[in-house]
Protein backbone atom coordinates (compact mmCIF):
# COMPACT_ATOMS: atom_id res chain seq x y z
CA MET A 1 24.39 -8.52 -11.26
CA ALA A 2 23.53 -9.08 -15.19
CA ASP A 3 20.15 -11.00 -14.87
CA CYS A 4 18.42 -9.47 -11.47
CA ILE A 5 15.23 -8.33 -12.30
CA PHE A 6 15.81 -5.06 -9.88
CA CYS A 7 19.55 -4.14 -11.41
CA ARG A 8 17.64 -4.13 -14.69
CA ILE A 9 15.07 -1.68 -13.52
CA ALA A 10 18.18 0.40 -11.80
CA ARG A 11 19.40 0.19 -15.09
CA GLY A 12 16.29 1.35 -17.32
CA GLU A 13 16.43 -1.64 -18.92
CA ILE A 14 12.98 -3.04 -17.59
CA PRO A 15 10.03 -0.03 -17.93
CA SER A 16 8.60 0.43 -14.45
CA GLU A 17 6.73 3.55 -12.76
CA ILE A 18 9.39 5.16 -11.38
CA VAL A 19 8.66 7.40 -8.26
CA HIS A 20 12.21 8.47 -7.18
CA GLN A 21 15.62 8.04 -8.40
CA ASP A 22 19.56 9.33 -7.61
CA ASP A 23 23.18 8.10 -7.70
CA GLU A 24 22.30 5.36 -4.92
CA LEU A 25 18.64 4.49 -4.84
CA VAL A 26 15.93 3.94 -7.42
CA ALA A 27 11.49 3.96 -5.92
CA PHE A 28 9.17 2.47 -8.12
CA ARG A 29 5.42 1.11 -8.32
CA ASP A 30 5.15 -2.40 -7.24
CA VAL A 31 3.44 -4.58 -10.10
CA ASN A 32 1.71 -6.27 -7.46
CA PRO A 33 0.60 -3.91 -5.30
CA GLN A 34 -0.79 -5.31 -1.73
CA ALA A 35 -1.74 -1.82 -0.77
CA PRO A 36 -2.90 1.49 -3.15
CA THR A 37 0.40 2.92 -2.33
CA HIS A 38 3.00 -0.09 -2.78
CA ILE A 39 6.48 1.59 -3.74
CA LEU A 40 9.52 -0.39 -4.05
CA ILE A 41 13.01 1.25 -2.52
CA ILE A 42 16.28 -0.78 -3.80
CA PRO A 43 19.73 0.46 -3.77
CA LYS A 44 21.62 0.68 -7.26
CA GLU A 45 24.43 -1.86 -5.70
CA HIS A 46 23.42 -5.19 -6.40
CA ILE A 47 23.17 -6.15 -2.46
CA GLU A 48 21.19 -9.89 -2.44
CA SER A 49 19.37 -9.76 1.40
CA THR A 50 20.23 -7.96 4.65
CA LEU A 51 22.71 -10.71 5.46
CA ALA A 52 24.75 -9.40 2.92
CA LEU A 53 24.71 -6.16 4.46
CA SER A 54 28.21 -4.48 5.85
CA GLU A 55 29.45 -1.43 8.00
CA ALA A 56 29.76 0.16 4.48
CA HIS A 57 26.38 0.02 4.27
CA ASP A 58 25.27 1.67 7.02
CA ARG A 59 24.68 5.39 5.23
CA LEU A 60 22.81 3.91 2.21
CA VAL A 61 20.41 2.07 4.84
CA GLY A 62 19.50 5.34 6.79
CA ARG A 63 18.95 6.52 3.06
CA VAL A 64 17.01 4.36 2.48
CA HIS A 65 14.52 5.15 5.75
CA ARG A 66 14.57 8.80 4.78
CA LEU A 67 13.36 8.53 1.89
CA ALA A 68 11.19 6.13 2.46
CA ALA A 69 9.75 8.91 4.47
CA ASP A 70 9.50 11.10 2.14
CA LEU A 71 7.70 9.43 -0.19
CA ALA A 72 4.80 8.81 2.52
CA ARG A 73 4.56 12.33 2.97
CA LYS A 74 4.59 12.83 -1.03
CA GLU A 75 1.78 10.15 -1.49
CA GLY A 76 -0.69 11.38 1.42
CA ILE A 77 0.12 8.22 3.84
CA ALA A 78 2.29 9.72 6.51
CA GLU A 79 0.19 11.02 8.56
CA ARG A 80 -2.39 8.03 8.55
CA GLY A 81 0.64 6.07 8.91
CA PHE A 82 2.49 3.40 6.69
CA ARG A 83 4.58 0.27 6.86
CA LEU A 84 8.57 -0.42 5.50
CA VAL A 85 9.17 -3.73 5.34
CA LEU A 86 11.79 -5.89 4.72
CA ASN A 87 12.08 -9.55 3.71
CA THR A 88 15.08 -11.88 4.39
CA ASN A 89 15.33 -14.84 2.23
CA ARG A 90 12.49 -17.67 1.12
CA GLU A 91 10.33 -18.35 4.22
CA ALA A 92 10.19 -14.48 5.33
CA GLY A 93 8.81 -13.67 1.50
CA GLN A 94 11.99 -13.03 -0.14
CA SER A 95 11.45 -13.74 -4.15
CA VAL A 96 14.16 -11.22 -5.64
CA PHE A 97 17.18 -12.20 -4.29
CA HIS A 98 18.36 -8.00 -4.19
CA LEU A 99 17.92 -5.79 -1.11
CA HIS A 100 14.58 -3.76 -1.24
CA PHE A 101 12.24 -1.93 0.91
CA HIS A 102 8.42 -2.42 0.28
CA LEU A 103 6.60 0.80 1.35
CA LEU A 104 2.97 0.14 2.15
CA GLY A 105 -0.14 2.43 2.77
CA GLY A 106 -3.45 4.06 2.03
CA ARG A 107 -5.15 1.31 4.04
CA PRO A 108 -5.14 0.16 7.47
CA MET A 109 -2.63 -2.56 8.27
CA HIS A 110 -2.76 -5.49 10.19
CA TRP A 111 -0.83 -7.66 13.49
CA PRO A 112 0.84 -9.93 12.72
CA PRO A 113 1.29 -9.27 8.91
CA GLY A 114 1.00 -13.02 8.18
């Protein structure tokens, strides 16, 4: 999608602090971090939300989770703990309608989250 901010980041049109990039996924630091480590993981393919996922995306979603674990190890937050958050639609806090996962860590996380 041409005007989607995350599509533009994935295409390299908007500068960001990329921590991982491959053929399917891009991971970059959030510009408004909510924890000492706050990385967004997005597919390069424009997928609006969880509700737009199909069986064809199963491998991609699995790759997101493996990448999150790898990044948590590299960031030094794996052993203490981290949170992987996926918001779907406005009331859940989704503000950019491109599927994205928040990798958060480096501080205690509370429950319920809010």
